[in-house]
Amino acid sequence: EAYTSFASVYDTFMDNVPYREWGEMIRGLLRRYGVE
């Protein structure tokens, strides 16, 4: 199922997700495998 009413408040309740840290991790992995 797609998010419907929850979409409008999704970011509010996901503010504890470390997106920036995960982004750094993913960039590090991509670079390790040659995807610059």
PDB file of all heavy atoms in Angstrom:
ATOM      1  N   GLU A   1       0.815  -1.187   0.000  1.00  0.00           N
ATOM      2  CA  GLU A   1       0.000   0.000   0.000  1.00  0.00           C
ATOM      3  C   GLU A   1       0.862   1.255   0.000  1.00  0.00           C
ATOM      4  O   GLU A   1       1.926   1.311   0.594  1.00  0.00           O
ATOM      5  CB  GLU A   1      -0.917   0.018   1.228  1.00  0.00           C
ATOM      6  CG  GLU A   1      -1.941  -1.109   1.242  1.00  0.00           C
ATOM      7  CD  GLU A   1      -2.921  -0.942   2.389  1.00  0.00           C
ATOM      8  OE1 GLU A   1      -3.179   0.213   2.772  1.00  0.00           O
ATOM      9  OE2 GLU A   1      -3.413  -1.947   2.885  1.00  0.00           O
ATOM     10  N   ALA A   2       0.361   2.275  -0.692  1.00  0.00           N
ATOM     11  CA  ALA A   2       1.046   3.562  -0.686  1.00  0.00           C
ATOM     12  C   ALA A   2       0.615   4.353   0.540  1.00  0.00           C
ATOM     13  O   ALA A   2      -0.505   4.207   1.025  1.00  0.00           O
ATOM     14  CB  ALA A   2       0.703   4.339  -1.960  1.00  0.00           C
ATOM     15  N   TYR A   3       1.529   5.187   1.032  1.00  0.00           N
ATOM     16  CA  TYR A   3       1.163   6.092   2.110  1.00  0.00           C
ATOM     17  C   TYR A   3       0.149   7.097   1.576  1.00  0.00           C
ATOM     18  O   TYR A   3       0.292   7.629   0.492  1.00  0.00           O
ATOM     19  CB  TYR A   3       2.388   6.849   2.618  1.00  0.00           C
ATOM     20  CG  TYR A   3       3.313   6.027   3.471  1.00  0.00           C
ATOM     21  CD1 TYR A   3       4.516   5.544   2.969  1.00  0.00           C
ATOM     22  CD2 TYR A   3       2.986   5.742   4.791  1.00  0.00           C
ATOM     23  CE1 TYR A   3       5.378   4.809   3.761  1.00  0.00           C
ATOM     24  CE2 TYR A   3       3.845   4.996   5.595  1.00  0.00           C
ATOM     25  CZ  TYR A   3       5.041   4.539   5.069  1.00  0.00           C
ATOM     26  OH  TYR A   3       5.884   3.809   5.855  1.00  0.00           O
ATOM     27  N   THR A   4      -0.881   7.381   2.364  1.00  0.00           N
ATOM     28  CA  THR A   4      -1.876   8.383   1.970  1.00  0.00           C
ATOM     29  C   THR A   4      -1.882   9.511   2.991  1.00  0.00           C
ATOM     30  O   THR A   4      -1.100  10.427   2.902  1.00  0.00           O
ATOM     31  CB  THR A   4      -3.256   7.729   1.814  1.00  0.00           C
ATOM     32  OG1 THR A   4      -3.570   6.987   3.015  1.00  0.00           O
ATOM     33  CG2 THR A   4      -3.267   6.751   0.642  1.00  0.00           C
ATOM     34  N   SER A   5      -2.785   9.432   3.986  1.00  0.00           N
ATOM     35  CA  SER A   5      -2.854  10.512   4.972  1.00  0.00           C
ATOM     36  C   SER A   5      -1.569  10.642   5.775  1.00  0.00           C
ATOM     37  O   SER A   5      -1.204  11.729   6.216  1.00  0.00           O
ATOM     38  CB  SER A   5      -4.049  10.287   5.905  1.00  0.00           C
ATOM     39  OG  SER A   5      -4.018   8.995   6.473  1.00  0.00           O
ATOM     40  N   PHE A   6      -0.841   9.532   5.983  1.00  0.00           N
ATOM     41  CA  PHE A   6       0.391   9.568   6.766  1.00  0.00           C
ATOM     42  C   PHE A   6       1.472  10.375   6.063  1.00  0.00           C
ATOM     43  O   PHE A   6       2.393  10.891   6.707  1.00  0.00           O
ATOM     44  CB  PHE A   6       0.874   8.152   7.040  1.00  0.00           C
ATOM     45  CG  PHE A   6       1.968   8.059   8.064  1.00  0.00           C
ATOM     46  CD1 PHE A   6       1.959   8.840   9.202  1.00  0.00           C
ATOM     47  CD2 PHE A   6       3.013   7.161   7.897  1.00  0.00           C
ATOM     48  CE1 PHE A   6       2.967   8.749  10.160  1.00  0.00           C
ATOM     49  CE2 PHE A   6       4.022   7.055   8.847  1.00  0.00           C
ATOM     50  CZ  PHE A   6       3.997   7.853   9.974  1.00  0.00           C
ATOM     51  N   ALA A   7       1.370  10.500   4.734  1.00  0.00           N
ATOM     52  CA  ALA A   7       2.406  11.204   3.983  1.00  0.00           C
ATOM     53  C   ALA A   7       2.577  12.630   4.470  1.00  0.00           C
ATOM     54  O   ALA A   7       3.698  13.150   4.542  1.00  0.00           O
ATOM     55  CB  ALA A   7       2.064  11.199   2.492  1.00  0.00           C
ATOM     56  N   SER A   8       1.482  13.288   4.842  1.00  0.00           N
ATOM     57  CA  SER A   8       1.546  14.697   5.229  1.00  0.00           C
ATOM     58  C   SER A   8       2.318  14.920   6.521  1.00  0.00           C
ATOM     59  O   SER A   8       2.815  16.020   6.773  1.00  0.00           O
ATOM     60  CB  SER A   8       0.133  15.280   5.360  1.00  0.00           C
ATOM     61  OG  SER A   8      -0.585  14.620   6.404  1.00  0.00           O
ATOM     62  N   VAL A   9       2.412  13.897   7.359  1.00  0.00           N
ATOM     63  CA  VAL A   9       3.129  14.040   8.632  1.00  0.00           C
ATOM     64  C   VAL A   9       4.314  13.081   8.725  1.00  0.00           C
ATOM     65  O   VAL A   9       4.929  12.948   9.778  1.00  0.00           O
ATOM     66  CB  VAL A   9       2.171  13.808   9.833  1.00  0.00           C
ATOM     67  CG1 VAL A   9       1.130  14.905   9.891  1.00  0.00           C
ATOM     68  CG2 VAL A   9       1.506  12.433   9.755  1.00  0.00           C
ATOM     69  N   TYR A  10       4.635  12.419   7.629  1.00  0.00           N
ATOM     70  CA  TYR A  10       5.700  11.413   7.626  1.00  0.00           C
ATOM     71  C   TYR A  10       7.016  11.994   8.128  1.00  0.00           C
ATOM     72  O   TYR A  10       7.679  11.424   9.010  1.00  0.00           O
ATOM     73  CB  TYR A  10       5.860  10.850   6.217  1.00  0.00           C
ATOM     74  CG  TYR A  10       6.930   9.790   6.088  1.00  0.00           C
ATOM     75  CD1 TYR A  10       6.647   8.459   6.398  1.00  0.00           C
ATOM     76  CD2 TYR A  10       8.208  10.110   5.634  1.00  0.00           C
ATOM     77  CE1 TYR A  10       7.623   7.483   6.272  1.00  0.00           C
ATOM     78  CE2 TYR A  10       9.187   9.144   5.509  1.00  0.00           C
ATOM     79  CZ  TYR A  10       8.893   7.827   5.821  1.00  0.00           C
ATOM     80  OH  TYR A  10       9.855   6.864   5.703  1.00  0.00           O
ATOM     81  N   ASP A  11       7.424  13.136   7.590  1.00  0.00           N
ATOM     82  CA  ASP A  11       8.705  13.718   7.975  1.00  0.00           C
ATOM     83  C   ASP A  11       8.713  14.142   9.440  1.00  0.00           C
ATOM     84  O   ASP A  11       9.769  14.099  10.092  1.00  0.00           O
ATOM     85  CB  ASP A  11       9.044  14.905   7.078  1.00  0.00           C
ATOM     86  CG  ASP A  11       9.492  14.469   5.685  1.00  0.00           C
ATOM     87  OD1 ASP A  11       9.895  13.301   5.540  1.00  0.00           O
ATOM     88  OD2 ASP A  11       9.443  15.297   4.761  1.00  0.00           O
ATOM     89  N   THR A  12       7.571  14.552   9.955  1.00  0.00           N
ATOM     90  CA  THR A  12       7.499  14.941  11.361  1.00  0.00           C
ATOM     91  C   THR A  12       7.838  13.765  12.264  1.00  0.00           C
ATOM     92  O   THR A  12       8.629  13.885  13.208  1.00  0.00           O
ATOM     93  CB  THR A  12       6.088  15.461  11.704  1.00  0.00           C
ATOM     94  OG1 THR A  12       5.806  16.609  10.912  1.00  0.00           O
ATOM     95  CG2 THR A  12       5.991  15.830  13.183  1.00  0.00           C
ATOM     96  N   PHE A  13       7.252  12.606  11.961  1.00  0.00           N
ATOM     97  CA  PHE A  13       7.474  11.449  12.814  1.00  0.00           C
ATOM     98  C   PHE A  13       8.777  10.719  12.503  1.00  0.00           C
ATOM     99  O   PHE A  13       9.214   9.865  13.272  1.00  0.00           O
ATOM    100  CB  PHE A  13       6.298  10.479  12.709  1.00  0.00           C
ATOM    101  CG  PHE A  13       5.044  10.998  13.350  1.00  0.00           C
ATOM    102  CD1 PHE A  13       3.900  11.205  12.610  1.00  0.00           C
ATOM    103  CD2 PHE A  13       5.021  11.295  14.699  1.00  0.00           C
ATOM    104  CE1 PHE A  13       2.751  11.689  13.206  1.00  0.00           C
ATOM    105  CE2 PHE A  13       3.870  11.778  15.310  1.00  0.00           C
ATOM    106  CZ  PHE A  13       2.725  11.982  14.560  1.00  0.00           C
ATOM    107  N   MET A  14       9.409  11.068  11.393  1.00  0.00           N
ATOM    108  CA  MET A  14      10.676  10.432  11.026  1.00  0.00           C
ATOM    109  C   MET A  14      11.862  11.325  11.332  1.00  0.00           C
ATOM    110  O   MET A  14      12.970  11.079  10.843  1.00  0.00           O
ATOM    111  CB  MET A  14      10.659  10.073   9.539  1.00  0.00           C
ATOM    112  CG  MET A  14       9.606   9.052   9.152  1.00  0.00           C
ATOM    113  SD  MET A  14       9.935   7.403   9.813  1.00  0.00           S
ATOM    114  CE  MET A  14      11.182   6.850   8.647  1.00  0.00           C
ATOM    115  N   ASP A  15      11.663  12.354  12.159  1.00  0.00           N
ATOM    116  CA  ASP A  15      12.758  13.274  12.423  1.00  0.00           C
ATOM    117  C   ASP A  15      13.860  12.667  13.283  1.00  0.00           C
ATOM    118  O   ASP A  15      14.898  13.286  13.493  1.00  0.00           O
ATOM    119  CB  ASP A  15      12.240  14.575  13.045  1.00  0.00           C
ATOM    120  CG  ASP A  15      11.553  14.359  14.395  1.00  0.00           C
ATOM    121  OD1 ASP A  15      11.505  13.199  14.868  1.00  0.00           O
ATOM    122  OD2 ASP A  15      11.049  15.353  14.963  1.00  0.00           O
ATOM    123  N   ASN A  16      13.628  11.459  13.791  1.00  0.00           N
ATOM    124  CA  ASN A  16      14.684  10.768  14.549  1.00  0.00           C
ATOM    125  C   ASN A  16      15.536   9.869  13.658  1.00  0.00           C
ATOM    126  O   ASN A  16      16.487   9.250  14.136  1.00  0.00           O
ATOM    127  CB  ASN A  16      14.071   9.926  15.675  1.00  0.00           C
ATOM    128  CG  ASN A  16      13.138   8.838  15.154  1.00  0.00           C
ATOM    129  OD1 ASN A  16      12.587   8.974  14.056  1.00  0.00           O
ATOM    130  ND2 ASN A  16      12.951   7.784  15.922  1.00  0.00           N
ATOM    131  N   VAL A  17      15.219   9.785  12.390  1.00  0.00           N
ATOM    132  CA  VAL A  17      15.998   8.968  11.466  1.00  0.00           C
ATOM    133  C   VAL A  17      17.271   9.723  11.074  1.00  0.00           C
ATOM    134  O   VAL A  17      17.185  10.874  10.616  1.00  0.00           O
ATOM    135  CB  VAL A  17      15.178   8.623  10.203  1.00  0.00           C
ATOM    136  CG1 VAL A  17      16.043   7.896   9.180  1.00  0.00           C
ATOM    137  CG2 VAL A  17      13.955   7.785  10.573  1.00  0.00           C
ATOM    138  N   PRO A  18      18.430   9.120  11.235  1.00  0.00           N
ATOM    139  CA  PRO A  18      19.699   9.824  10.941  1.00  0.00           C
ATOM    140  C   PRO A  18      20.005   9.849   9.444  1.00  0.00           C
ATOM    141  O   PRO A  18      21.003   9.278   8.985  1.00  0.00           O
ATOM    142  CB  PRO A  18      20.727   9.015  11.724  1.00  0.00           C
ATOM    143  CG  PRO A  18      20.183   7.620  11.731  1.00  0.00           C
ATOM    144  CD  PRO A  18      18.680   7.779  11.810  1.00  0.00           C
ATOM    145  N   TYR A  19      19.167  10.549   8.684  1.00  0.00           N
ATOM    146  CA  TYR A  19      19.346  10.564   7.236  1.00  0.00           C
ATOM    147  C   TYR A  19      20.733  11.049   6.840  1.00  0.00           C
ATOM    148  O   TYR A  19      21.347  10.497   5.923  1.00  0.00           O
ATOM    149  CB  TYR A  19      18.293  11.475   6.582  1.00  0.00           C
ATOM    150  CG  TYR A  19      16.914  10.880   6.489  1.00  0.00           C
ATOM    151  CD1 TYR A  19      15.859  11.402   7.239  1.00  0.00           C
ATOM    152  CD2 TYR A  19      16.646   9.816   5.633  1.00  0.00           C
ATOM    153  CE1 TYR A  19      14.581  10.870   7.143  1.00  0.00           C
ATOM    154  CE2 TYR A  19      15.367   9.282   5.523  1.00  0.00           C
ATOM    155  CZ  TYR A  19      14.340   9.813   6.290  1.00  0.00           C
ATOM    156  OH  TYR A  19      13.080   9.286   6.191  1.00  0.00           O
ATOM    157  N   ARG A  20      21.222  12.092   7.513  1.00  0.00           N
ATOM    158  CA  ARG A  20      22.515  12.644   7.129  1.00  0.00           C
ATOM    159  C   ARG A  20      23.625  11.624   7.358  1.00  0.00           C
ATOM    160  O   ARG A  20      24.505  11.450   6.510  1.00  0.00           O
ATOM    161  CB  ARG A  20      22.780  13.926   7.916  1.00  0.00           C
ATOM    162  CG  ARG A  20      24.059  14.647   7.540  1.00  0.00           C
ATOM    163  CD  ARG A  20      24.081  15.082   6.083  1.00  0.00           C
ATOM    164  NE  ARG A  20      23.009  16.009   5.753  1.00  0.00           N
ATOM    165  CZ  ARG A  20      22.826  16.500   4.530  1.00  0.00           C
ATOM    166  NH1 ARG A  20      23.634  16.134   3.536  1.00  0.00           N
ATOM    167  NH2 ARG A  20      21.826  17.333   4.291  1.00  0.00           N
ATOM    168  N   GLU A  21      23.579  10.924   8.492  1.00  0.00           N
ATOM    169  CA  GLU A  21      24.594   9.898   8.768  1.00  0.00           C
ATOM    170  C   GLU A  21      24.484   8.764   7.759  1.00  0.00           C
ATOM    171  O   GLU A  21      25.504   8.263   7.271  1.00  0.00           O
ATOM    172  CB  GLU A  21      24.404   9.360  10.181  1.00  0.00           C
ATOM    173  CG  GLU A  21      24.710  10.364  11.280  1.00  0.00           C
ATOM    174  CD  GLU A  21      24.458   9.785  12.649  1.00  0.00           C
ATOM    175  OE1 GLU A  21      24.411   8.547  12.777  1.00  0.00           O
ATOM    176  OE2 GLU A  21      24.285  10.571  13.604  1.00  0.00           O
ATOM    177  N   TRP A  22      23.264   8.346   7.468  1.00  0.00           N
ATOM    178  CA  TRP A  22      23.084   7.280   6.480  1.00  0.00           C
ATOM    179  C   TRP A  22      23.572   7.736   5.115  1.00  0.00           C
ATOM    180  O   TRP A  22      24.149   6.946   4.359  1.00  0.00           O
ATOM    181  CB  TRP A  22      21.617   6.878   6.407  1.00  0.00           C
ATOM    182  CG  TRP A  22      21.129   6.109   7.606  1.00  0.00           C
ATOM    183  CD1 TRP A  22      21.846   5.760   8.708  1.00  0.00           C
ATOM    184  CD2 TRP A  22      19.806   5.595   7.816  1.00  0.00           C
ATOM    185  NE1 TRP A  22      21.053   5.063   9.592  1.00  0.00           N
ATOM    186  CE2 TRP A  22      19.801   4.944   9.082  1.00  0.00           C
ATOM    187  CE3 TRP A  22      18.632   5.629   7.075  1.00  0.00           C
ATOM    188  CZ2 TRP A  22      18.659   4.330   9.607  1.00  0.00           C
ATOM    189  CZ3 TRP A  22      17.488   5.021   7.599  1.00  0.00           C
ATOM    190  CH2 TRP A  22      17.514   4.383   8.849  1.00  0.00           C
ATOM    191  N   GLY A  23      23.315   9.001   4.778  1.00  0.00           N
ATOM    192  CA  GLY A  23      23.779   9.518   3.496  1.00  0.00           C
ATOM    193  C   GLY A  23      25.292   9.482   3.382  1.00  0.00           C
ATOM    194  O   GLY A  23      25.842   9.111   2.342  1.00  0.00           O
ATOM    195  N   GLU A  24      25.983   9.865   4.461  1.00  0.00           N
ATOM    196  CA  GLU A  24      27.444   9.791   4.471  1.00  0.00           C
ATOM    197  C   GLU A  24      27.920   8.351   4.310  1.00  0.00           C
ATOM    198  O   GLU A  24      28.875   8.066   3.591  1.00  0.00           O
ATOM    199  CB  GLU A  24      27.981  10.374   5.782  1.00  0.00           C
ATOM    200  CG  GLU A  24      27.886  11.886   5.875  1.00  0.00           C
ATOM    201  CD  GLU A  24      28.946  12.581   5.053  1.00  0.00           C
ATOM    202  OE1 GLU A  24      29.867  11.895   4.564  1.00  0.00           O
ATOM    203  OE2 GLU A  24      28.862  13.813   4.888  1.00  0.00           O
ATOM    204  N   MET A  25      27.233   7.439   4.987  1.00  0.00           N
ATOM    205  CA  MET A  25      27.585   6.025   4.893  1.00  0.00           C
ATOM    206  C   MET A  25      27.414   5.518   3.463  1.00  0.00           C
ATOM    207  O   MET A  25      28.288   4.839   2.918  1.00  0.00           O
ATOM    208  CB  MET A  25      26.712   5.213   5.849  1.00  0.00           C
ATOM    209  CG  MET A  25      26.903   3.709   5.770  1.00  0.00           C
ATOM    210  SD  MET A  25      25.459   2.840   6.421  1.00  0.00           S
ATOM    211  CE  MET A  25      24.217   3.179   5.152  1.00  0.00           C
ATOM    212  N   ILE A  26      26.271   5.872   2.852  1.00  0.00           N
ATOM    213  CA  ILE A  26      26.003   5.411   1.492  1.00  0.00           C
ATOM    214  C   ILE A  26      27.013   6.011   0.515  1.00  0.00           C
ATOM    215  O   ILE A  26      27.533   5.314  -0.368  1.00  0.00           O
ATOM    216  CB  ILE A  26      24.557   5.765   1.083  1.00  0.00           C
ATOM    217  CG1 ILE A  26      23.566   4.897   1.874  1.00  0.00           C
ATOM    218  CG2 ILE A  26      24.358   5.570  -0.420  1.00  0.00           C
ATOM    219  CD1 ILE A  26      22.125   5.304   1.697  1.00  0.00           C
ATOM    220  N   ARG A  27      27.319   7.284   0.670  1.00  0.00           N
ATOM    221  CA  ARG A  27      28.319   7.891  -0.206  1.00  0.00           C
ATOM    222  C   ARG A  27      29.662   7.186  -0.056  1.00  0.00           C
ATOM    223  O   ARG A  27      30.356   6.934  -1.049  1.00  0.00           O
ATOM    224  CB  ARG A  27      28.478   9.383   0.095  1.00  0.00           C
ATOM    225  CG  ARG A  27      29.540  10.044  -0.797  1.00  0.00           C
ATOM    226  CD  ARG A  27      29.566  11.542  -0.700  1.00  0.00           C
ATOM    227  NE  ARG A  27      29.989  12.028   0.601  1.00  0.00           N
ATOM    228  CZ  ARG A  27      30.394  13.284   0.828  1.00  0.00           C
ATOM    229  NH1 ARG A  27      30.418  14.154  -0.163  1.00  0.00           N
ATOM    230  NH2 ARG A  27      30.749  13.663   2.049  1.00  0.00           N
ATOM    231  N   GLY A  28      30.017   6.845   1.187  1.00  0.00           N
ATOM    232  CA  GLY A  28      31.264   6.125   1.402  1.00  0.00           C
ATOM    233  C   GLY A  28      31.269   4.770   0.724  1.00  0.00           C
ATOM    234  O   GLY A  28      32.278   4.371   0.116  1.00  0.00           O
ATOM    235  N   LEU A  29      30.152   4.060   0.803  1.00  0.00           N
ATOM    236  CA  LEU A  29      30.066   2.757   0.145  1.00  0.00           C
ATOM    237  C   LEU A  29      30.138   2.899  -1.366  1.00  0.00           C
ATOM    238  O   LEU A  29      30.838   2.133  -2.044  1.00  0.00           O
ATOM    239  CB  LEU A  29      28.759   2.057   0.546  1.00  0.00           C
ATOM    240  CG  LEU A  29      28.689   1.510   1.969  1.00  0.00           C
ATOM    241  CD1 LEU A  29      27.267   1.078   2.307  1.00  0.00           C
ATOM    242  CD2 LEU A  29      29.646   0.327   2.149  1.00  0.00           C
ATOM    243  N   LEU A  30      29.421   3.876  -1.917  1.00  0.00           N
ATOM    244  CA  LEU A  30      29.448   4.071  -3.367  1.00  0.00           C
ATOM    245  C   LEU A  30      30.860   4.393  -3.841  1.00  0.00           C
ATOM    246  O   LEU A  30      31.329   3.856  -4.849  1.00  0.00           O
ATOM    247  CB  LEU A  30      28.478   5.188  -3.763  1.00  0.00           C
ATOM    248  CG  LEU A  30      26.982   4.909  -3.539  1.00  0.00           C
ATOM    249  CD1 LEU A  30      26.149   6.114  -3.969  1.00  0.00           C
ATOM    250  CD2 LEU A  30      26.529   3.664  -4.291  1.00  0.00           C
ATOM    251  N   ARG A  31      31.544   5.246  -3.103  1.00  0.00           N
ATOM    252  CA  ARG A  31      32.922   5.587  -3.488  1.00  0.00           C
ATOM    253  C   ARG A  31      33.838   4.378  -3.390  1.00  0.00           C
ATOM    254  O   ARG A  31      34.732   4.205  -4.228  1.00  0.00           O
ATOM    255  CB  ARG A  31      33.429   6.716  -2.591  1.00  0.00           C
ATOM    256  CG  ARG A  31      32.844   8.076  -2.926  1.00  0.00           C
ATOM    257  CD  ARG A  31      33.385   9.147  -1.990  1.00  0.00           C
ATOM    258  NE  ARG A  31      33.079  10.485  -2.470  1.00  0.00           N
ATOM    259  CZ  ARG A  31      33.438  11.594  -1.836  1.00  0.00           C
ATOM    260  NH1 ARG A  31      34.115  11.507  -0.694  1.00  0.00           N
ATOM    261  NH2 ARG A  31      33.135  12.786  -2.338  1.00  0.00           N
ATOM    262  N   ARG A  32      33.617   3.558  -2.375  1.00  0.00           N
ATOM    263  CA  ARG A  32      34.456   2.371  -2.211  1.00  0.00           C
ATOM    264  C   ARG A  32      34.346   1.461  -3.428  1.00  0.00           C
ATOM    265  O   ARG A  32      35.307   0.781  -3.811  1.00  0.00           O
ATOM    266  CB  ARG A  32      34.052   1.607  -0.958  1.00  0.00           C
ATOM    267  CG  ARG A  32      34.978   0.417  -0.655  1.00  0.00           C
ATOM    268  CD  ARG A  32      34.403  -0.487   0.411  1.00  0.00           C
ATOM    269  NE  ARG A  32      34.033   0.236   1.618  1.00  0.00           N
ATOM    270  CZ  ARG A  32      33.349  -0.328   2.623  1.00  0.00           C
ATOM    271  NH1 ARG A  32      32.957  -1.595   2.526  1.00  0.00           N
ATOM    272  NH2 ARG A  32      33.035   0.374   3.695  1.00  0.00           N
ATOM    273  N   TYR A  33      33.151   1.446  -4.026  1.00  0.00           N
ATOM    274  CA  TYR A  33      32.931   0.592  -5.194  1.00  0.00           C
ATOM    275  C   TYR A  33      33.054   1.368  -6.507  1.00  0.00           C
ATOM    276  O   TYR A  33      32.590   0.903  -7.553  1.00  0.00           O
ATOM    277  CB  TYR A  33      31.569  -0.089  -5.094  1.00  0.00           C
ATOM    278  CG  TYR A  33      31.528  -1.140  -4.003  1.00  0.00           C
ATOM    279  CD1 TYR A  33      31.039  -0.838  -2.733  1.00  0.00           C
ATOM    280  CD2 TYR A  33      32.013  -2.425  -4.233  1.00  0.00           C
ATOM    281  CE1 TYR A  33      31.017  -1.795  -1.730  1.00  0.00           C
ATOM    282  CE2 TYR A  33      31.996  -3.385  -3.240  1.00  0.00           C
ATOM    283  CZ  TYR A  33      31.496  -3.067  -1.988  1.00  0.00           C
ATOM    284  OH  TYR A  33      31.486  -4.018  -0.982  1.00  0.00           O
ATOM    285  N   GLY A  34      33.675   2.540  -6.429  1.00  0.00           N
ATOM    286  CA  GLY A  34      34.025   3.260  -7.650  1.00  0.00           C
ATOM    287  C   GLY A  34      32.963   4.157  -8.228  1.00  0.00           C
ATOM    288  O   GLY A  34      33.117   4.652  -9.347  1.00  0.00           O
ATOM    289  N   VAL A  35      31.878   4.402  -7.496  1.00  0.00           N
ATOM    290  CA  VAL A  35      30.809   5.265  -8.002  1.00  0.00           C
ATOM    291  C   VAL A  35      30.991   6.659  -7.398  1.00  0.00           C
ATOM    292  O   VAL A  35      30.478   6.973  -6.323  1.00  0.00           O
ATOM    293  CB  VAL A  35      29.416   4.703  -7.657  1.00  0.00           C
ATOM    294  CG1 VAL A  35      28.323   5.594  -8.271  1.00  0.00           C
ATOM    295  CG2 VAL A  35      29.271   3.275  -8.159  1.00  0.00           C
ATOM    296  N   GLU A  36      31.741   7.493  -8.091  1.00  0.00           N
ATOM    297  CA  GLU A  36      32.017   8.851  -7.628  1.00  0.00           C
ATOM    298  C   GLU A  36      31.000   9.852  -8.151  1.00  0.00           C
ATOM    299  O   GLU A  36      30.809  10.924  -7.572  1.00  0.00           O
ATOM    300  CB  GLU A  36      33.419   9.272  -8.080  1.00  0.00           C
ATOM    301  CG  GLU A  36      34.547   8.402  -7.570  1.00  0.00           C
ATOM    302  CD  GLU A  36      34.984   8.802  -6.171  1.00  0.00           C
ATOM    303  OE1 GLU A  36      34.504   9.839  -5.674  1.00  0.00           O
ATOM    304  OE2 GLU A  36      35.819   8.086  -5.590  1.00  0.00           O
TER     305      GLU A  36
END
